[in-house]
Amino acid sequence: APAELVAALRSRLRTERPNFFAFNTVRWMMAAAAVLLLAIVGVGSLQRARIVQFGGDEGVFPTLSARVQELLRVGLIDHVHCAIISQQWKRFISFDEMKAGTGRQALGPEFIDLVPAVEAKLGSEYKLVLGHRCVANHRRYVHLILTGKKGAIVSLIITEKNNESFSQSDAVAVMRASGIPIYRDRQGILEIAGFESDKYLAYVVSNLDRAANLNVASLMAPVVYNHLHKLEL
């Protein structure tokens, strides 16, 4: 039953050992999330929403080092846990409500200005439905969720570094946006793009294809990087 699957996933997230980001664990999470979604809305709906797809091959890309994969999965974990399993993508909170929010989940003055900045950069193609702070696997995140055409679900995820860096992990950027290196991986049908500032890791995770997710990341990266840089001064 869906309720039992949710309970099992939450229990696993709480009790997982430090090697949580190991390859098999992430695959388990993705499979469990897919099973949960299938139980709730059915295969047909998920295929139409592009959350679950069968068949197809986007080609072969260079294998990433374990360290780079682990860094990119930091963003993947929050997207799966918060946007997909908790179904936060179905909610809508207006900018005024987000700005007036208080408490641990509120974006606060540090990040509230990212909402209109991201909306202005992406235009009408995507709708920003939610912005909040959240916790997944004992790690704190700032999370903006957007939805788009054909069931697209896109997360902008930001988290403080914990002695982590793409530039120190043998990572090779797949592109640059205004000089900002962007790194990329794919897990199942989810695309992950990552970039960084001095003190933060940032991610764009979605069920878009490779080119579309990188395009969104390239649009967001300069805005997000500049915002984070101001916080770091």
Protein backbone atom coordinates (compact mmCIF):
# COMPACT_ATOMS: atom_id res chain seq x y z
CA ALA A 1 0.00 0.00 0.00
CA PRO A 2 1.25 3.56 -0.69
CA ALA A 3 1.13 4.54 3.00
CA GLU A 4 3.30 1.56 3.96
CA LEU A 5 5.80 2.40 1.21
CA VAL A 6 6.06 6.00 2.42
CA ALA A 7 6.68 4.79 5.97
CA ALA A 8 9.34 2.36 4.79
CA LEU A 9 11.11 5.04 2.75
CA ARG A 10 11.12 7.49 5.64
CA SER A 11 12.43 4.82 7.99
CA ARG A 12 15.21 3.98 5.53
CA LEU A 13 16.16 7.65 5.21
CA ARG A 14 16.41 8.00 9.00
CA THR A 15 18.41 4.85 9.61
CA GLU A 16 20.71 4.68 6.58
CA ARG A 17 24.42 4.56 7.40
CA PRO A 18 26.87 7.26 6.18
CA ASN A 19 27.43 5.41 2.90
CA PHE A 20 23.86 6.35 1.93
CA PHE A 21 24.97 7.73 -1.42
CA ALA A 22 26.34 4.39 -2.56
CA PHE A 23 25.17 3.32 -5.99
CA ASN A 24 22.87 0.52 -4.87
CA THR A 25 21.13 2.67 -2.26
CA VAL A 26 20.31 5.40 -4.76
CA ARG A 27 18.97 2.80 -7.17
CA TRP A 28 16.84 1.40 -4.32
CA MET A 29 15.42 4.85 -3.61
CA MET A 30 14.62 5.46 -7.26
CA ALA A 31 12.93 2.07 -7.57
CA ALA A 32 10.96 2.59 -4.36
CA ALA A 33 9.85 6.05 -5.50
CA ALA A 34 8.71 4.62 -8.82
CA VAL A 35 6.75 1.83 -7.09
CA LEU A 36 5.09 4.37 -4.80
CA LEU A 37 4.10 6.59 -7.71
CA LEU A 38 2.83 3.62 -9.71
CA ALA A 39 0.66 2.59 -6.77
CA ILE A 40 -0.81 6.08 -6.47
CA VAL A 41 -1.54 7.13 -10.04
CA GLY A 42 -0.86 4.18 -12.34
CA VAL A 43 1.57 3.48 -15.16
CA GLY A 44 -0.31 5.39 -17.85
CA SER A 45 -0.44 8.63 -15.91
CA LEU A 46 3.24 8.46 -15.01
CA GLN A 47 4.28 7.81 -18.59
CA ARG A 48 2.25 10.81 -19.72
CA ALA A 49 3.85 12.89 -16.95
CA ARG A 50 7.33 11.67 -17.97
CA ILE A 51 8.14 10.50 -14.44
CA VAL A 52 8.41 6.87 -15.50
CA GLN A 53 9.49 5.93 -19.01
CA PHE A 54 10.28 2.61 -20.60
CA GLY A 55 12.71 1.93 -23.41
CA GLY A 56 14.77 4.44 -25.32
CA ASP A 57 18.47 5.18 -25.20
CA GLU A 58 20.02 8.62 -25.06
CA GLY A 59 23.44 7.34 -25.95
CA VAL A 60 26.60 6.61 -24.02
CA PHE A 61 28.30 9.35 -22.00
CA PRO A 62 31.63 9.33 -20.17
CA THR A 63 31.61 7.48 -16.86
CA LEU A 64 31.81 9.79 -13.86
CA SER A 65 34.09 9.15 -10.94
CA ALA A 66 32.47 7.90 -7.74
CA ARG A 67 33.26 11.20 -6.00
CA VAL A 68 31.51 13.26 -8.68
CA GLN A 69 28.50 10.92 -8.73
CA GLU A 70 28.25 11.23 -4.95
CA LEU A 71 28.29 15.03 -5.15
CA LEU A 72 25.57 15.08 -7.82
CA ARG A 73 23.41 12.69 -5.80
CA VAL A 74 23.36 15.22 -2.96
CA GLY A 75 20.85 17.15 -5.07
CA LEU A 76 19.09 14.05 -6.38
CA ILE A 77 18.26 12.87 -2.86
CA ASP A 78 16.29 16.00 -2.01
CA HIS A 79 14.43 16.05 -5.33
CA VAL A 80 13.30 12.43 -4.94
CA HIS A 81 12.47 12.75 -1.25
CA CYS A 82 10.75 16.14 -1.32
CA ALA A 83 9.41 16.86 -4.80
CA ILE A 84 8.48 13.31 -5.83
CA ILE A 85 7.84 11.06 -2.82
CA SER A 86 6.31 13.84 -0.69
CA GLN A 87 4.53 15.15 -3.82
CA GLN A 88 5.42 18.75 -3.08
CA TRP A 89 5.24 19.47 -6.81
CA LYS A 90 1.44 19.29 -6.52
CA ARG A 91 1.30 22.21 -4.09
CA PHE A 92 1.16 25.90 -4.91
CA ILE A 93 2.30 28.65 -2.57
CA SER A 94 2.21 32.23 -3.85
CA PHE A 95 5.21 34.51 -3.64
CA ASP A 96 3.43 36.67 -1.05
CA GLU A 97 2.82 33.59 1.11
CA MET A 98 6.44 32.49 0.76
CA LYS A 99 7.65 35.98 1.64
CA ALA A 100 5.41 36.16 4.70
CA GLY A 101 6.39 32.68 5.86
CA THR A 102 8.19 32.18 9.14
CA GLY A 103 9.71 29.18 10.83
CA ARG A 104 12.21 26.56 9.78
CA GLN A 105 10.69 25.96 6.33
CA ALA A 106 10.53 29.61 5.26
CA LEU A 107 13.03 30.81 2.66
CA GLY A 108 13.71 33.88 4.76
CA PRO A 109 15.41 37.09 3.62
CA GLU A 110 18.50 35.18 2.47
CA PHE A 111 16.72 33.29 -0.32
CA ILE A 112 13.28 34.82 -0.96
CA ASP A 113 14.64 37.08 -3.72
CA LEU A 114 15.63 33.99 -5.72
CA VAL A 115 11.95 33.32 -6.43
CA PRO A 116 11.25 36.33 -8.70
CA ALA A 117 14.79 36.14 -10.12
CA VAL A 118 14.32 32.53 -11.24
CA GLU A 119 10.82 33.21 -12.54
CA ALA A 120 12.06 36.15 -14.60
CA LYS A 121 14.89 34.09 -16.08
CA LEU A 122 12.75 31.09 -17.07
CA GLY A 123 9.72 33.03 -18.27
CA SER A 124 6.27 31.54 -18.79
CA GLU A 125 7.50 28.08 -19.78
CA TYR A 126 7.77 27.05 -16.12
CA LYS A 127 5.64 27.84 -13.09
CA LEU A 128 7.32 28.16 -9.70
CA VAL A 129 4.91 26.38 -7.35
CA LEU A 130 6.87 26.19 -4.10
CA GLY A 131 9.95 27.50 -2.37
CA HIS A 132 10.99 26.32 1.08
CA ARG A 133 13.75 24.93 3.28
CA CYS A 134 13.73 21.22 3.93
CA VAL A 135 15.80 18.35 5.31
CA ALA A 136 16.64 15.05 3.61
CA ASN A 137 19.04 12.45 4.98
CA HIS A 138 19.95 14.84 7.83
CA ARG A 139 21.07 17.53 5.37
CA ARG A 140 19.51 20.99 5.06
CA TYR A 141 18.40 22.31 1.69
CA VAL A 142 16.84 25.35 0.05
CA HIS A 143 14.42 24.00 -2.53
CA LEU A 144 12.46 25.70 -5.32
CA ILE A 145 10.06 23.48 -7.29
CA LEU A 146 8.79 24.33 -10.76
CA THR A 147 6.40 22.58 -13.11
CA GLY A 148 6.19 22.83 -16.87
CA LYS A 149 4.60 21.42 -19.98
CA LYS A 150 4.17 17.67 -20.52
CA GLY A 151 4.45 16.92 -16.82
CA ALA A 152 7.88 18.46 -16.28
CA ILE A 153 8.94 18.68 -12.63
CA VAL A 154 12.07 20.74 -12.01
CA SER A 155 13.90 21.36 -8.74
CA LEU A 156 16.45 24.04 -7.97
CA ILE A 157 18.26 22.75 -4.90
CA ILE A 158 20.89 24.56 -2.82
CA THR A 159 22.84 23.25 0.14
CA GLU A 160 25.87 24.41 2.08
CA LYS A 161 29.12 22.62 1.37
CA ASN A 162 30.53 20.16 3.86
CA ASN A 163 34.16 20.01 2.74
CA GLU A 164 32.88 19.22 -0.78
CA SER A 165 33.71 20.65 -4.17
CA PHE A 166 33.23 19.67 -7.80
CA SER A 167 36.49 21.38 -8.69
CA GLN A 168 38.39 19.19 -6.20
CA SER A 169 36.67 15.94 -7.22
CA ASP A 170 38.17 15.34 -10.68
CA ALA A 171 34.93 16.62 -12.19
CA VAL A 172 34.81 17.56 -15.87
CA ALA A 173 32.23 20.20 -16.75
CA VAL A 174 29.91 19.40 -19.66
CA MET A 175 29.32 23.11 -20.31
CA ARG A 176 29.81 26.61 -18.90
CA ALA A 177 27.15 29.24 -18.28
CA SER A 178 28.63 32.74 -18.08
CA GLY A 179 31.88 31.07 -17.08
CA ILE A 180 30.28 28.84 -14.41
CA PRO A 181 31.17 25.13 -14.87
CA ILE A 182 28.15 22.82 -14.93
CA TYR A 183 28.43 19.09 -14.21
CA ARG A 184 25.91 16.48 -15.22
CA ASP A 185 24.68 12.94 -14.52
CA ARG A 186 21.55 10.87 -15.07
CA GLN A 187 19.91 8.43 -12.66
CA GLY A 188 17.02 6.47 -14.14
CA ILE A 189 14.87 9.07 -15.89
CA LEU A 190 16.10 11.96 -13.76
CA GLU A 191 18.66 14.43 -15.08
CA ILE A 192 21.00 16.13 -12.61
CA ALA A 193 23.03 19.27 -13.31
CA GLY A 194 25.28 20.68 -10.63
CA PHE A 195 27.38 23.79 -10.08
CA GLU A 196 28.93 25.54 -7.11
CA SER A 197 29.95 28.76 -5.43
CA ASP A 198 32.56 29.09 -2.71
CA LYS A 199 30.26 27.89 0.09
CA TYR A 200 27.30 26.26 -1.66
CA LEU A 201 26.41 23.39 -3.98
CA ALA A 202 23.49 23.98 -6.35
CA TYR A 203 21.53 21.57 -8.53
CA VAL A 204 18.88 21.46 -11.20
CA VAL A 205 17.14 18.06 -11.13
CA SER A 206 14.23 17.14 -13.38
CA ASN A 207 12.48 14.59 -15.56
CA LEU A 208 13.44 16.61 -18.64
CA ASP A 209 15.81 15.21 -21.22
CA ARG A 210 19.53 15.96 -21.12
CA ALA A 211 19.48 19.01 -23.39
CA ALA A 212 16.42 20.60 -21.77
CA ASN A 213 17.72 20.14 -18.22
CA LEU A 214 21.11 21.60 -19.14
CA ASN A 215 19.34 24.51 -20.80
CA VAL A 216 17.39 25.25 -17.60
CA ALA A 217 20.58 24.88 -15.56
CA SER A 218 22.46 27.26 -17.86
CA LEU A 219 19.71 29.87 -17.44
CA MET A 220 19.57 29.50 -13.66
CA ALA A 221 23.27 29.15 -12.88
CA PRO A 222 24.36 32.80 -13.34
CA VAL A 223 21.39 34.11 -11.33
CA VAL A 224 21.87 31.58 -8.53
CA TYR A 225 25.65 31.96 -8.46
CA ASN A 226 25.43 35.75 -8.19
CA HIS A 227 22.88 35.46 -5.40
CA LEU A 228 25.03 32.99 -3.46
CA HIS A 229 28.13 35.09 -3.99
CA LYS A 230 26.40 38.05 -2.32
CA LEU A 231 25.53 35.86 0.67
CA GLU A 232 29.16 34.83 0.95
CA LEU A 233 30.56 38.37 1.12
